[in-house]
Amino acid sequence: MLSAHPELKTMFNAESQVDGSQRRRLAGAILAYAANIDKLVALDAPLDKIAHTHARLNVLPEQYPIVGFHLLAAIKTVLGEAATPDVIDAWAAAYGQLADILIAREKTIYDAPELATAN
């Protein structure tokens, strides 16, 4: 993703990219989201922390589709033949819903800058 979109490099800690911890955190967040998709209240605190981190980094709504595209490509690679169109569509829908939640939380923070220091 960062090769295709070098403008996003400033959003990510370079050390976390080298040691793979950023990818593991993203994968863990996506899996936690999937495991709690029917009880999202369980993820309020982690999603709030992510939204505040994104706000500090000035993540923009138009950057979510870029991450989503590359995330789905990675899922296809990992799952191989198991990545049927239905499976990928389900992951795309879940990522879209997660992105919408984070974008809304981040908008609240951007609209009230004093919230940016809350976490």
N, C-alpha and C. Protein backbone atom coordinates (compact mmCIF):
# COMPACT_ATOMS: atom_id res chain seq x y z
N MET A 1 0.82 -1.18 0.00
CA MET A 1 0.00 0.00 0.00
C MET A 1 0.87 1.26 0.00
N LEU A 2 1.89 1.27 0.85
CA LEU A 2 2.71 2.47 0.94
C LEU A 2 3.55 2.69 -0.29
N SER A 3 3.85 1.63 -1.02
CA SER A 3 4.56 1.80 -2.30
C SER A 3 3.65 2.47 -3.31
N ALA A 4 2.40 2.08 -3.32
CA ALA A 4 1.44 2.65 -4.27
C ALA A 4 0.96 4.03 -3.84
N HIS A 5 1.02 4.32 -2.53
CA HIS A 5 0.54 5.59 -1.99
C HIS A 5 1.56 6.15 -1.00
N PRO A 6 2.70 6.61 -1.50
CA PRO A 6 3.74 7.11 -0.60
C PRO A 6 3.30 8.31 0.24
N GLU A 7 2.26 9.01 -0.19
CA GLU A 7 1.75 10.14 0.59
C GLU A 7 1.19 9.70 1.96
N LEU A 8 0.94 8.41 2.11
CA LEU A 8 0.41 7.90 3.38
C LEU A 8 1.51 7.48 4.35
N LYS A 9 2.76 7.50 3.91
CA LYS A 9 3.86 7.04 4.77
C LYS A 9 3.94 7.80 6.08
N THR A 10 3.59 9.08 6.05
CA THR A 10 3.67 9.87 7.28
C THR A 10 2.62 9.46 8.31
N MET A 11 1.64 8.69 7.88
CA MET A 11 0.59 8.23 8.79
C MET A 11 1.02 7.01 9.62
N PHE A 12 2.11 6.40 9.22
CA PHE A 12 2.53 5.15 9.84
C PHE A 12 3.93 5.28 10.41
N ASN A 13 4.13 4.68 11.56
CA ASN A 13 5.43 4.64 12.19
C ASN A 13 6.33 3.72 11.37
N ALA A 14 7.46 4.25 10.91
CA ALA A 14 8.36 3.49 10.04
C ALA A 14 8.85 2.21 10.72
N GLU A 15 9.17 2.29 12.00
CA GLU A 15 9.64 1.10 12.72
C GLU A 15 8.56 0.02 12.76
N SER A 16 7.31 0.45 12.94
CA SER A 16 6.20 -0.51 12.98
C SER A 16 5.98 -1.17 11.62
N GLN A 17 6.37 -0.48 10.57
CA GLN A 17 6.27 -1.07 9.24
C GLN A 17 7.34 -2.13 9.04
N VAL A 18 8.54 -1.84 9.52
CA VAL A 18 9.66 -2.77 9.35
C VAL A 18 9.46 -4.03 10.16
N ASP A 19 9.05 -3.87 11.42
CA ASP A 19 8.93 -5.06 12.28
C ASP A 19 7.59 -5.78 12.13
N GLY A 20 6.68 -5.22 11.32
CA GLY A 20 5.40 -5.88 11.06
C GLY A 20 4.33 -5.64 12.09
N SER A 21 4.63 -4.87 13.13
CA SER A 21 3.64 -4.67 14.20
C SER A 21 2.42 -3.88 13.72
N GLN A 22 2.61 -2.97 12.78
CA GLN A 22 1.47 -2.22 12.24
C GLN A 22 0.48 -3.17 11.55
N ARG A 23 1.01 -4.06 10.73
CA ARG A 23 0.15 -5.02 10.03
C ARG A 23 -0.57 -5.92 11.03
N ARG A 24 0.13 -6.35 12.07
CA ARG A 24 -0.49 -7.20 13.08
C ARG A 24 -1.58 -6.46 13.83
N ARG A 25 -1.35 -5.18 14.15
CA ARG A 25 -2.39 -4.40 14.84
C ARG A 25 -3.62 -4.23 13.96
N LEU A 26 -3.40 -3.93 12.68
CA LEU A 26 -4.53 -3.77 11.76
C LEU A 26 -5.29 -5.09 11.64
N ALA A 27 -4.57 -6.18 11.46
CA ALA A 27 -5.23 -7.49 11.35
C ALA A 27 -5.99 -7.82 12.63
N GLY A 28 -5.39 -7.55 13.77
CA GLY A 28 -6.05 -7.80 15.05
C GLY A 28 -7.31 -6.96 15.22
N ALA A 29 -7.24 -5.70 14.80
CA ALA A 29 -8.42 -4.83 14.89
C ALA A 29 -9.53 -5.32 13.98
N ILE A 30 -9.18 -5.73 12.78
CA ILE A 30 -10.19 -6.23 11.84
C ILE A 30 -10.82 -7.52 12.38
N LEU A 31 -10.00 -8.41 12.91
CA LEU A 31 -10.53 -9.66 13.46
C LEU A 31 -11.41 -9.41 14.69
N ALA A 32 -10.99 -8.48 15.55
CA ALA A 32 -11.81 -8.14 16.72
C ALA A 32 -13.14 -7.55 16.28
N TYR A 33 -13.09 -6.74 15.25
CA TYR A 33 -14.32 -6.16 14.71
C TYR A 33 -15.24 -7.26 14.19
N ALA A 34 -14.67 -8.17 13.41
CA ALA A 34 -15.47 -9.26 12.84
C ALA A 34 -16.06 -10.13 13.95
N ALA A 35 -15.29 -10.38 14.99
CA ALA A 35 -15.77 -11.22 16.09
C ALA A 35 -16.87 -10.55 16.90
N ASN A 36 -16.93 -9.23 16.83
CA ASN A 36 -17.92 -8.48 17.63
C ASN A 36 -18.91 -7.71 16.77
N ILE A 37 -19.02 -8.07 15.52
CA ILE A 37 -19.84 -7.30 14.58
C ILE A 37 -21.30 -7.20 15.01
N ASP A 38 -21.76 -8.18 15.79
CA ASP A 38 -23.15 -8.14 16.26
C ASP A 38 -23.28 -7.54 17.66
N LYS A 39 -22.16 -7.12 18.24
CA LYS A 39 -22.16 -6.47 19.55
C LYS A 39 -21.04 -5.41 19.60
N LEU A 40 -21.19 -4.42 18.75
CA LEU A 40 -20.15 -3.40 18.58
C LEU A 40 -19.88 -2.59 19.83
N VAL A 41 -20.82 -2.57 20.76
CA VAL A 41 -20.59 -1.82 22.00
C VAL A 41 -19.35 -2.35 22.72
N ALA A 42 -19.03 -3.61 22.53
CA ALA A 42 -17.83 -4.19 23.14
C ALA A 42 -16.55 -3.56 22.61
N LEU A 43 -16.65 -2.90 21.48
CA LEU A 43 -15.46 -2.29 20.86
C LEU A 43 -15.41 -0.78 21.03
N ASP A 44 -16.30 -0.22 21.83
CA ASP A 44 -16.33 1.24 21.99
C ASP A 44 -14.98 1.81 22.39
N ALA A 45 -14.37 1.27 23.41
CA ALA A 45 -13.10 1.83 23.89
C ALA A 45 -11.98 1.68 22.85
N PRO A 46 -11.79 0.49 22.26
CA PRO A 46 -10.73 0.40 21.25
C PRO A 46 -10.99 1.29 20.03
N LEU A 47 -12.26 1.37 19.59
CA LEU A 47 -12.57 2.22 18.44
C LEU A 47 -12.36 3.69 18.76
N ASP A 48 -12.65 4.07 19.99
CA ASP A 48 -12.42 5.45 20.40
C ASP A 48 -10.92 5.76 20.38
N LYS A 49 -10.12 4.84 20.87
CA LYS A 49 -8.67 5.02 20.87
C LYS A 49 -8.15 5.13 19.43
N ILE A 50 -8.62 4.27 18.55
CA ILE A 50 -8.21 4.32 17.14
C ILE A 50 -8.62 5.66 16.53
N ALA A 51 -9.84 6.10 16.78
CA ALA A 51 -10.32 7.36 16.22
C ALA A 51 -9.46 8.53 16.69
N HIS A 52 -9.09 8.54 17.95
CA HIS A 52 -8.24 9.62 18.46
C HIS A 52 -6.85 9.57 17.84
N THR A 53 -6.32 8.39 17.67
CA THR A 53 -5.02 8.25 17.00
C THR A 53 -5.12 8.76 15.57
N HIS A 54 -6.17 8.37 14.88
CA HIS A 54 -6.37 8.84 13.50
C HIS A 54 -6.51 10.35 13.45
N ALA A 55 -7.22 10.92 14.41
CA ALA A 55 -7.40 12.38 14.43
C ALA A 55 -6.06 13.09 14.64
N ARG A 56 -5.23 12.54 15.52
CA ARG A 56 -3.90 13.14 15.73
C ARG A 56 -3.06 13.09 14.46
N LEU A 57 -3.28 12.05 13.67
CA LEU A 57 -2.53 11.89 12.42
C LEU A 57 -3.22 12.58 11.23
N ASN A 58 -4.40 13.14 11.47
CA ASN A 58 -5.18 13.80 10.43
C ASN A 58 -5.59 12.85 9.30
N VAL A 59 -6.01 11.66 9.70
CA VAL A 59 -6.53 10.70 8.72
C VAL A 59 -7.81 11.28 8.14
N LEU A 60 -7.96 11.18 6.82
CA LEU A 60 -9.11 11.73 6.12
C LEU A 60 -10.02 10.63 5.60
N PRO A 61 -11.31 10.92 5.48
CA PRO A 61 -12.26 9.90 4.99
C PRO A 61 -11.85 9.30 3.64
N GLU A 62 -11.28 10.09 2.77
CA GLU A 62 -10.92 9.58 1.44
C GLU A 62 -9.73 8.61 1.48
N GLN A 63 -9.09 8.48 2.62
CA GLN A 63 -7.98 7.52 2.74
C GLN A 63 -8.47 6.12 3.09
N TYR A 64 -9.66 6.02 3.62
CA TYR A 64 -10.19 4.70 3.99
C TYR A 64 -10.35 3.75 2.79
N PRO A 65 -10.84 4.22 1.65
CA PRO A 65 -10.95 3.29 0.51
C PRO A 65 -9.58 2.76 0.05
N ILE A 66 -8.55 3.56 0.19
CA ILE A 66 -7.20 3.10 -0.18
C ILE A 66 -6.80 1.94 0.72
N VAL A 67 -6.95 2.12 2.02
CA VAL A 67 -6.61 1.05 2.97
C VAL A 67 -7.50 -0.17 2.71
N GLY A 68 -8.79 0.06 2.49
CA GLY A 68 -9.71 -1.04 2.23
C GLY A 68 -9.33 -1.85 1.01
N PHE A 69 -8.97 -1.17 -0.06
CA PHE A 69 -8.55 -1.86 -1.29
C PHE A 69 -7.38 -2.79 -1.00
N HIS A 70 -6.38 -2.28 -0.31
CA HIS A 70 -5.18 -3.08 -0.04
C HIS A 70 -5.44 -4.15 1.01
N LEU A 71 -6.32 -3.87 1.96
CA LEU A 71 -6.70 -4.88 2.95
C LEU A 71 -7.39 -6.05 2.28
N LEU A 72 -8.33 -5.76 1.38
CA LEU A 72 -9.03 -6.84 0.68
C LEU A 72 -8.07 -7.64 -0.20
N ALA A 73 -7.11 -6.97 -0.81
CA ALA A 73 -6.11 -7.69 -1.61
C ALA A 73 -5.30 -8.63 -0.72
N ALA A 74 -4.96 -8.17 0.48
CA ALA A 74 -4.21 -9.02 1.42
C ALA A 74 -5.06 -10.21 1.87
N ILE A 75 -6.34 -9.96 2.13
CA ILE A 75 -7.23 -11.06 2.52
C ILE A 75 -7.31 -12.09 1.40
N LYS A 76 -7.41 -11.63 0.16
CA LYS A 76 -7.45 -12.55 -0.98
C LYS A 76 -6.18 -13.38 -1.04
N THR A 77 -5.05 -12.75 -0.80
CA THR A 77 -3.77 -13.46 -0.84
C THR A 77 -3.71 -14.52 0.26
N VAL A 78 -4.10 -14.13 1.47
CA VAL A 78 -4.03 -15.06 2.60
C VAL A 78 -5.01 -16.22 2.43
N LEU A 79 -6.22 -15.92 2.00
CA LEU A 79 -7.24 -16.97 1.89
C LEU A 79 -7.12 -17.81 0.62
N GLY A 80 -6.47 -17.28 -0.39
CA GLY A 80 -6.33 -18.04 -1.64
C GLY A 80 -7.68 -18.39 -2.23
N GLU A 81 -7.85 -19.66 -2.58
CA GLU A 81 -9.10 -20.10 -3.22
C GLU A 81 -10.33 -19.95 -2.32
N ALA A 82 -10.11 -19.87 -1.01
CA ALA A 82 -11.23 -19.68 -0.09
C ALA A 82 -11.80 -18.26 -0.17
N ALA A 83 -11.10 -17.38 -0.84
CA ALA A 83 -11.56 -15.99 -0.99
C ALA A 83 -12.55 -15.90 -2.14
N THR A 84 -13.70 -16.51 -1.93
CA THR A 84 -14.75 -16.48 -2.95
C THR A 84 -15.31 -15.06 -3.04
N PRO A 85 -16.01 -14.75 -4.10
CA PRO A 85 -16.64 -13.42 -4.19
C PRO A 85 -17.54 -13.11 -2.99
N ASP A 86 -18.27 -14.10 -2.50
CA ASP A 86 -19.13 -13.86 -1.33
C ASP A 86 -18.31 -13.52 -0.09
N VAL A 87 -17.21 -14.22 0.10
CA VAL A 87 -16.34 -13.96 1.26
C VAL A 87 -15.75 -12.55 1.16
N ILE A 88 -15.24 -12.21 0.00
CA ILE A 88 -14.65 -10.88 -0.18
C ILE A 88 -15.71 -9.79 -0.06
N ASP A 89 -16.89 -10.03 -0.59
CA ASP A 89 -17.97 -9.06 -0.44
C ASP A 89 -18.33 -8.84 1.03
N ALA A 90 -18.33 -9.92 1.81
CA ALA A 90 -18.64 -9.80 3.24
C ALA A 90 -17.56 -9.00 3.96
N TRP A 91 -16.30 -9.29 3.65
CA TRP A 91 -15.21 -8.52 4.26
C TRP A 91 -15.25 -7.06 3.82
N ALA A 92 -15.58 -6.83 2.57
CA ALA A 92 -15.68 -5.45 2.07
C ALA A 92 -16.79 -4.70 2.80
N ALA A 93 -17.92 -5.35 3.01
CA ALA A 93 -19.02 -4.72 3.72
C ALA A 93 -18.63 -4.44 5.18
N ALA A 94 -17.98 -5.40 5.81
CA ALA A 94 -17.55 -5.21 7.20
C ALA A 94 -16.54 -4.06 7.30
N TYR A 95 -15.58 -4.03 6.39
CA TYR A 95 -14.60 -2.95 6.41
C TYR A 95 -15.30 -1.61 6.16
N GLY A 96 -16.23 -1.58 5.24
CA GLY A 96 -16.96 -0.34 4.96
C GLY A 96 -17.71 0.16 6.17
N GLN A 97 -18.34 -0.76 6.90
CA GLN A 97 -19.06 -0.38 8.11
C GLN A 97 -18.08 0.14 9.16
N LEU A 98 -16.98 -0.54 9.34
CA LEU A 98 -15.96 -0.09 10.29
C LEU A 98 -15.42 1.28 9.90
N ALA A 99 -15.14 1.46 8.64
CA ALA A 99 -14.64 2.76 8.16
C ALA A 99 -15.66 3.85 8.46
N ASP A 100 -16.93 3.58 8.20
CA ASP A 100 -17.98 4.57 8.47
C ASP A 100 -18.04 4.95 9.95
N ILE A 101 -17.89 3.96 10.82
CA ILE A 101 -17.90 4.21 12.26
C ILE A 101 -16.73 5.11 12.64
N LEU A 102 -15.54 4.76 12.15
CA LEU A 102 -14.36 5.55 12.49
C LEU A 102 -14.43 6.95 11.90
N ILE A 103 -14.89 7.07 10.67
CA ILE A 103 -15.01 8.39 10.04
C ILE A 103 -15.94 9.28 10.86
N ALA A 104 -17.06 8.72 11.32
CA ALA A 104 -18.01 9.50 12.13
C ALA A 104 -17.39 9.93 13.45
N ARG A 105 -16.67 9.01 14.10
CA ARG A 105 -16.02 9.36 15.38
C ARG A 105 -14.94 10.41 15.15
N GLU A 106 -14.18 10.25 14.09
CA GLU A 106 -13.12 11.22 13.78
C GLU A 106 -13.70 12.59 13.45
N LYS A 107 -14.83 12.62 12.77
CA LYS A 107 -15.47 13.90 12.45
C LYS A 107 -15.85 14.63 13.74
N THR A 108 -16.35 13.89 14.72
CA THR A 108 -16.69 14.50 16.01
C THR A 108 -15.46 15.12 16.65
N ILE A 109 -14.34 14.43 16.55
CA ILE A 109 -13.10 14.93 17.14
C ILE A 109 -12.62 16.15 16.36
N TYR A 110 -12.65 16.08 15.03
CA TYR A 110 -12.22 17.22 14.22
C TYR A 110 -13.10 18.44 14.46
N ASP A 111 -14.40 18.20 14.67
CA ASP A 111 -15.34 19.30 14.89
C ASP A 111 -15.19 19.91 16.29
N ALA A 112 -14.62 19.16 17.22
CA ALA A 112 -14.41 19.64 18.60
C ALA A 112 -12.96 19.32 19.00
N PRO A 113 -12.01 20.14 18.55
CA PRO A 113 -10.59 19.83 18.73
C PRO A 113 -10.18 19.53 20.17
N GLU A 114 -10.92 20.06 21.15
CA GLU A 114 -10.56 19.76 22.54
C GLU A 114 -10.70 18.28 22.85
N LEU A 115 -11.47 17.54 22.04
CA LEU A 115 -11.62 16.09 22.24
C LEU A 115 -10.37 15.33 21.78
N ALA A 116 -9.58 15.93 20.93
CA ALA A 116 -8.40 15.24 20.38
C ALA A 116 -7.42 14.87 21.46
N THR A 117 -7.41 15.58 22.57
CA THR A 117 -6.48 15.28 23.65
C THR A 117 -7.10 14.39 24.72
N ALA A 118 -8.35 13.97 24.49
CA ALA A 118 -9.06 13.15 25.49
C ALA A 118 -8.43 11.77 25.68
N ASN A 119 -7.80 11.24 24.65
CA ASN A 119 -7.17 9.89 24.77
C ASN A 119 -5.71 9.98 24.43
